[in-house]
Amino acid sequence: MDITAYSCTGKTKKNDKMLTSVNLTAGFDGGRINFDIQIKVTSPHGLSKLQRARKRDGIIKELRTNGLKADSKNHIALGSYDILSDEFIGTDAVNLLRDMLIIGICKNRELFPLF
């Protein structure tokens, strides 16, 4: 399984721009692939550093409400995959994808509120 990045785009037309993305880091550590996401807010709309920090904190709060845990550097560990034993550790394929979708939805909701 080669999962390197997942993008939550919201594209509906040819020229639509990406709303936000969720990048999954797949770090390799001695036969294990560690899945980790760091929550960051960049400034495509001219947000100040303080505004970006507030948006990020809102995303982290929403993620915690949905059962995900972030460390002090806003990293969310999603589990690991052991290549040698061909099994997930701390998650499974369904929960890994579910957690990635939750992250994408929470990030989009904070950055682009619809109501």
N, C-alpha and C. Protein backbone atom coordinates (compact mmCIF):
# COMPACT_ATOMS: atom_id res chain seq x y z
N MET A 1 0.85 -1.17 0.00
CA MET A 1 0.00 0.00 0.00
C MET A 1 0.89 1.23 0.00
N ASP A 2 0.71 2.11 -0.98
CA ASP A 2 1.52 3.31 -1.08
C ASP A 2 0.64 4.53 -0.90
N ILE A 3 0.53 5.00 0.34
CA ILE A 3 -0.25 6.20 0.62
C ILE A 3 0.75 7.30 0.94
N THR A 4 0.82 8.32 0.10
CA THR A 4 1.75 9.40 0.38
C THR A 4 1.05 10.73 0.65
N ALA A 5 -0.09 10.96 0.05
CA ALA A 5 -0.79 12.21 0.32
C ALA A 5 -2.25 12.06 -0.07
N TYR A 6 -3.08 12.76 0.64
CA TYR A 6 -4.51 12.80 0.35
C TYR A 6 -4.89 14.26 0.25
N SER A 7 -5.57 14.66 -0.79
CA SER A 7 -6.00 16.05 -0.92
C SER A 7 -7.51 16.13 -0.88
N CYS A 8 -8.02 17.03 -0.06
CA CYS A 8 -9.45 17.29 0.02
C CYS A 8 -9.69 18.54 -0.80
N THR A 9 -10.19 18.41 -2.04
CA THR A 9 -10.18 19.55 -2.92
C THR A 9 -11.49 20.28 -3.03
N GLY A 10 -12.57 19.80 -3.17
CA GLY A 10 -13.77 20.61 -3.36
C GLY A 10 -13.85 21.14 -4.78
N LYS A 11 -13.07 20.60 -5.71
CA LYS A 11 -13.12 21.04 -7.10
C LYS A 11 -14.39 20.51 -7.75
N THR A 12 -15.06 21.36 -8.47
CA THR A 12 -16.25 20.92 -9.20
C THR A 12 -16.18 21.30 -10.66
N LYS A 13 -15.35 22.30 -11.01
CA LYS A 13 -15.21 22.75 -12.38
C LYS A 13 -13.74 22.76 -12.76
N LYS A 14 -13.48 22.83 -14.03
CA LYS A 14 -12.11 22.77 -14.54
C LYS A 14 -11.18 23.79 -13.90
N ASN A 15 -11.62 25.02 -13.71
CA ASN A 15 -10.74 26.08 -13.22
C ASN A 15 -10.86 26.35 -11.72
N ASP A 16 -11.61 25.52 -10.99
CA ASP A 16 -11.72 25.70 -9.55
C ASP A 16 -10.36 25.47 -8.89
N LYS A 17 -10.12 26.19 -7.83
CA LYS A 17 -8.87 26.06 -7.06
C LYS A 17 -9.07 25.11 -5.89
N MET A 18 -7.97 24.52 -5.41
CA MET A 18 -8.03 23.66 -4.25
C MET A 18 -8.36 24.50 -3.02
N LEU A 19 -9.29 24.03 -2.20
CA LEU A 19 -9.65 24.74 -0.98
C LEU A 19 -8.58 24.55 0.09
N THR A 20 -8.21 23.34 0.34
CA THR A 20 -7.20 23.03 1.34
C THR A 20 -6.69 21.64 1.05
N SER A 21 -5.65 21.24 1.73
CA SER A 21 -5.14 19.89 1.53
C SER A 21 -4.73 19.29 2.87
N VAL A 22 -4.69 18.00 2.91
CA VAL A 22 -4.20 17.27 4.07
C VAL A 22 -3.06 16.41 3.57
N ASN A 23 -1.85 16.70 4.01
CA ASN A 23 -0.68 15.94 3.58
C ASN A 23 -0.29 14.94 4.64
N LEU A 24 -0.19 13.72 4.22
CA LEU A 24 0.14 12.63 5.12
C LEU A 24 1.62 12.32 4.97
N THR A 25 2.35 12.37 6.07
CA THR A 25 3.75 11.99 6.05
C THR A 25 3.84 10.51 6.36
N ALA A 26 4.47 9.80 5.49
CA ALA A 26 4.67 8.37 5.71
C ALA A 26 6.16 8.17 5.97
N GLY A 27 6.56 8.28 7.22
CA GLY A 27 7.95 8.10 7.60
C GLY A 27 8.29 6.63 7.75
N PHE A 28 9.44 6.23 7.27
CA PHE A 28 9.86 4.84 7.33
C PHE A 28 10.84 4.67 8.48
N ASP A 29 10.55 3.71 9.36
CA ASP A 29 11.39 3.51 10.54
C ASP A 29 11.58 2.02 10.78
N GLY A 30 12.66 1.45 10.27
CA GLY A 30 13.02 0.06 10.54
C GLY A 30 11.93 -0.96 10.25
N GLY A 31 11.35 -0.91 9.08
CA GLY A 31 10.31 -1.87 8.73
C GLY A 31 8.91 -1.41 9.01
N ARG A 32 8.77 -0.22 9.56
CA ARG A 32 7.45 0.35 9.83
C ARG A 32 7.26 1.65 9.08
N ILE A 33 6.04 1.85 8.62
CA ILE A 33 5.66 3.13 8.03
C ILE A 33 4.79 3.82 9.07
N ASN A 34 5.23 5.00 9.52
CA ASN A 34 4.49 5.76 10.52
C ASN A 34 3.69 6.84 9.83
N PHE A 35 2.38 6.86 10.07
CA PHE A 35 1.49 7.84 9.45
C PHE A 35 1.28 9.00 10.40
N ASP A 36 1.62 10.21 9.94
CA ASP A 36 1.59 11.40 10.78
C ASP A 36 1.10 12.58 9.95
N ILE A 37 0.29 13.42 10.55
CA ILE A 37 -0.17 14.64 9.90
C ILE A 37 0.08 15.80 10.85
N GLN A 38 0.66 16.88 10.32
CA GLN A 38 0.81 18.10 11.11
C GLN A 38 -0.20 19.12 10.60
N ILE A 39 -0.95 19.70 11.52
CA ILE A 39 -1.96 20.68 11.14
C ILE A 39 -1.30 22.05 11.02
N LYS A 40 -1.35 22.59 9.80
CA LYS A 40 -0.82 23.93 9.52
C LYS A 40 -1.87 24.70 8.74
N VAL A 41 -1.82 26.00 8.88
CA VAL A 41 -2.68 26.86 8.08
C VAL A 41 -1.76 27.83 7.35
N THR A 42 -1.76 27.75 6.04
CA THR A 42 -0.97 28.69 5.24
C THR A 42 -1.82 29.91 4.95
N SER A 43 -1.28 30.85 4.26
CA SER A 43 -1.99 32.12 4.11
C SER A 43 -2.32 32.45 2.66
N PRO A 44 -3.15 31.65 2.00
CA PRO A 44 -3.50 32.01 0.63
C PRO A 44 -4.44 33.21 0.56
N HIS A 45 -5.10 33.54 1.64
CA HIS A 45 -6.07 34.64 1.65
C HIS A 45 -5.56 35.82 2.46
N GLY A 46 -4.26 35.92 2.67
CA GLY A 46 -3.70 37.07 3.36
C GLY A 46 -3.95 37.11 4.85
N LEU A 47 -4.09 35.95 5.49
CA LEU A 47 -4.30 35.92 6.94
C LEU A 47 -3.00 36.28 7.66
N SER A 48 -3.12 36.99 8.77
CA SER A 48 -1.95 37.31 9.58
C SER A 48 -1.49 36.06 10.33
N LYS A 49 -0.31 36.14 10.91
CA LYS A 49 0.22 35.01 11.68
C LYS A 49 -0.73 34.66 12.83
N LEU A 50 -1.26 35.67 13.51
CA LEU A 50 -2.19 35.45 14.61
C LEU A 50 -3.49 34.80 14.11
N GLN A 51 -4.00 35.27 12.98
CA GLN A 51 -5.23 34.68 12.42
C GLN A 51 -5.01 33.22 12.03
N ARG A 52 -3.85 32.93 11.44
CA ARG A 52 -3.55 31.53 11.08
C ARG A 52 -3.47 30.66 12.32
N ALA A 53 -2.84 31.18 13.38
CA ALA A 53 -2.74 30.42 14.64
C ALA A 53 -4.12 30.15 15.22
N ARG A 54 -5.00 31.13 15.17
CA ARG A 54 -6.37 30.94 15.68
C ARG A 54 -7.13 29.92 14.86
N LYS A 55 -6.98 29.97 13.54
CA LYS A 55 -7.64 28.98 12.67
C LYS A 55 -7.10 27.59 12.99
N ARG A 56 -5.77 27.46 13.11
CA ARG A 56 -5.16 26.17 13.44
C ARG A 56 -5.68 25.65 14.77
N ASP A 57 -5.75 26.52 15.77
CA ASP A 57 -6.24 26.11 17.09
C ASP A 57 -7.69 25.66 17.02
N GLY A 58 -8.50 26.33 16.18
CA GLY A 58 -9.88 25.92 15.99
C GLY A 58 -9.98 24.53 15.35
N ILE A 59 -9.09 24.26 14.39
CA ILE A 59 -9.06 22.94 13.75
C ILE A 59 -8.68 21.88 14.77
N ILE A 60 -7.64 22.15 15.56
CA ILE A 60 -7.19 21.20 16.58
C ILE A 60 -8.31 20.92 17.58
N LYS A 61 -9.01 21.96 18.00
CA LYS A 61 -10.12 21.79 18.95
C LYS A 61 -11.20 20.88 18.35
N GLU A 62 -11.55 21.12 17.10
CA GLU A 62 -12.56 20.31 16.42
C GLU A 62 -12.10 18.85 16.28
N LEU A 63 -10.82 18.67 15.98
CA LEU A 63 -10.29 17.31 15.85
C LEU A 63 -10.34 16.58 17.19
N ARG A 64 -10.01 17.29 18.26
CA ARG A 64 -10.08 16.67 19.60
C ARG A 64 -11.52 16.30 19.94
N THR A 65 -12.46 17.14 19.54
CA THR A 65 -13.88 16.84 19.75
C THR A 65 -14.27 15.56 19.03
N ASN A 66 -13.60 15.29 17.91
CA ASN A 66 -13.88 14.10 17.12
C ASN A 66 -12.97 12.91 17.47
N GLY A 67 -12.28 13.00 18.61
CA GLY A 67 -11.53 11.86 19.12
C GLY A 67 -10.08 11.74 18.68
N LEU A 68 -9.56 12.71 17.95
CA LEU A 68 -8.16 12.65 17.53
C LEU A 68 -7.30 13.42 18.53
N LYS A 69 -6.04 13.03 18.64
CA LYS A 69 -5.14 13.64 19.60
C LYS A 69 -3.98 14.31 18.88
N ALA A 70 -3.71 15.56 19.24
CA ALA A 70 -2.60 16.32 18.66
C ALA A 70 -1.57 16.59 19.75
N ASP A 71 -0.27 16.50 19.38
CA ASP A 71 0.77 16.82 20.35
C ASP A 71 1.02 18.33 20.38
N SER A 72 2.03 18.76 21.12
CA SER A 72 2.29 20.19 21.29
C SER A 72 2.74 20.88 20.01
N LYS A 73 3.18 20.09 19.02
CA LYS A 73 3.58 20.66 17.73
C LYS A 73 2.52 20.46 16.66
N ASN A 74 1.31 20.13 17.10
CA ASN A 74 0.15 19.96 16.22
C ASN A 74 0.28 18.79 15.26
N HIS A 75 1.01 17.78 15.68
CA HIS A 75 1.12 16.53 14.92
C HIS A 75 0.04 15.57 15.41
N ILE A 76 -0.54 14.85 14.48
CA ILE A 76 -1.51 13.82 14.82
C ILE A 76 -0.97 12.49 14.31
N ALA A 77 -0.68 11.58 15.22
CA ALA A 77 -0.20 10.25 14.85
C ALA A 77 -1.40 9.38 14.51
N LEU A 78 -1.40 8.82 13.32
CA LEU A 78 -2.53 8.03 12.85
C LEU A 78 -2.28 6.54 12.89
N GLY A 79 -1.13 6.13 13.39
CA GLY A 79 -0.81 4.71 13.47
C GLY A 79 0.37 4.37 12.59
N SER A 80 0.65 3.09 12.50
CA SER A 80 1.78 2.60 11.74
C SER A 80 1.38 1.37 10.95
N TYR A 81 2.24 1.02 10.01
CA TYR A 81 2.05 -0.20 9.24
C TYR A 81 3.36 -0.96 9.26
N ASP A 82 3.33 -2.19 9.72
CA ASP A 82 4.52 -3.03 9.77
C ASP A 82 4.63 -3.82 8.48
N ILE A 83 5.68 -3.51 7.73
CA ILE A 83 5.86 -4.14 6.42
C ILE A 83 6.14 -5.64 6.56
N LEU A 84 6.95 -6.01 7.52
CA LEU A 84 7.35 -7.41 7.67
C LEU A 84 6.18 -8.31 8.05
N SER A 85 5.33 -7.84 8.96
CA SER A 85 4.20 -8.66 9.38
C SER A 85 2.93 -8.36 8.59
N ASP A 86 3.00 -7.35 7.70
CA ASP A 86 1.88 -6.98 6.84
C ASP A 86 0.62 -6.67 7.67
N GLU A 87 0.80 -5.79 8.69
CA GLU A 87 -0.35 -5.42 9.51
C GLU A 87 -0.21 -4.00 10.04
N PHE A 88 -1.37 -3.41 10.30
CA PHE A 88 -1.40 -2.08 10.90
C PHE A 88 -1.18 -2.18 12.40
N ILE A 89 -0.62 -1.13 12.97
CA ILE A 89 -0.39 -1.04 14.40
C ILE A 89 -1.05 0.25 14.89
N GLY A 90 -1.97 0.13 15.83
CA GLY A 90 -2.64 1.30 16.38
C GLY A 90 -3.77 1.82 15.50
N THR A 91 -4.05 1.15 14.42
CA THR A 91 -5.14 1.54 13.53
C THR A 91 -5.39 0.38 12.57
N ASP A 92 -6.28 0.59 11.62
CA ASP A 92 -6.47 -0.34 10.50
C ASP A 92 -6.76 0.52 9.28
N ALA A 93 -6.87 -0.09 8.12
CA ALA A 93 -7.05 0.68 6.89
C ALA A 93 -8.29 1.56 6.93
N VAL A 94 -9.39 1.03 7.44
CA VAL A 94 -10.64 1.79 7.50
C VAL A 94 -10.50 2.99 8.44
N ASN A 95 -9.95 2.79 9.62
CA ASN A 95 -9.80 3.89 10.57
C ASN A 95 -8.78 4.93 10.11
N LEU A 96 -7.73 4.50 9.43
CA LEU A 96 -6.75 5.43 8.89
C LEU A 96 -7.42 6.37 7.89
N LEU A 97 -8.18 5.82 6.97
CA LEU A 97 -8.87 6.65 5.98
C LEU A 97 -9.95 7.51 6.63
N ARG A 98 -10.68 6.95 7.61
CA ARG A 98 -11.69 7.73 8.32
C ARG A 98 -11.07 8.93 9.01
N ASP A 99 -9.95 8.71 9.71
CA ASP A 99 -9.28 9.81 10.41
C ASP A 99 -8.79 10.87 9.44
N MET A 100 -8.27 10.45 8.28
CA MET A 100 -7.82 11.42 7.28
C MET A 100 -9.00 12.25 6.75
N LEU A 101 -10.14 11.61 6.56
CA LEU A 101 -11.33 12.34 6.12
C LEU A 101 -11.81 13.31 7.18
N ILE A 102 -11.80 12.88 8.44
CA ILE A 102 -12.20 13.78 9.53
C ILE A 102 -11.30 15.01 9.55
N ILE A 103 -10.00 14.80 9.38
CA ILE A 103 -9.06 15.92 9.38
C ILE A 103 -9.37 16.88 8.22
N GLY A 104 -9.59 16.33 7.03
CA GLY A 104 -9.91 17.17 5.88
C GLY A 104 -11.20 17.95 6.06
N ILE A 105 -12.21 17.29 6.58
CA ILE A 105 -13.50 17.96 6.80
C ILE A 105 -13.39 19.05 7.86
N CYS A 106 -12.73 18.75 8.97
CA CYS A 106 -12.59 19.76 10.04
C CYS A 106 -11.77 20.95 9.57
N LYS A 107 -10.72 20.69 8.80
CA LYS A 107 -9.89 21.78 8.30
C LYS A 107 -10.68 22.66 7.33
N ASN A 108 -11.40 22.03 6.42
CA ASN A 108 -12.21 22.81 5.48
C ASN A 108 -13.28 23.62 6.19
N ARG A 109 -13.92 23.01 7.18
CA ARG A 109 -15.00 23.70 7.90
C ARG A 109 -14.47 24.93 8.62
N GLU A 110 -13.28 24.84 9.19
CA GLU A 110 -12.70 25.98 9.90
C GLU A 110 -12.24 27.08 8.93
N LEU A 111 -11.65 26.67 7.82
CA LEU A 111 -11.11 27.66 6.88
C LEU A 111 -12.18 28.25 5.97
N PHE A 112 -13.21 27.46 5.67
CA PHE A 112 -14.22 27.90 4.72
C PHE A 112 -15.62 27.61 5.26
N PRO A 113 -16.03 28.33 6.32
CA PRO A 113 -17.35 28.06 6.90
C PRO A 113 -18.46 28.35 5.88
N LEU A 114 -19.40 27.42 5.81
CA LEU A 114 -20.49 27.56 4.85
C LEU A 114 -21.71 28.22 5.45
N PHE A 115 -21.84 28.17 6.78
CA PHE A 115 -22.99 28.80 7.43
C PHE A 115 -22.68 29.11 8.85
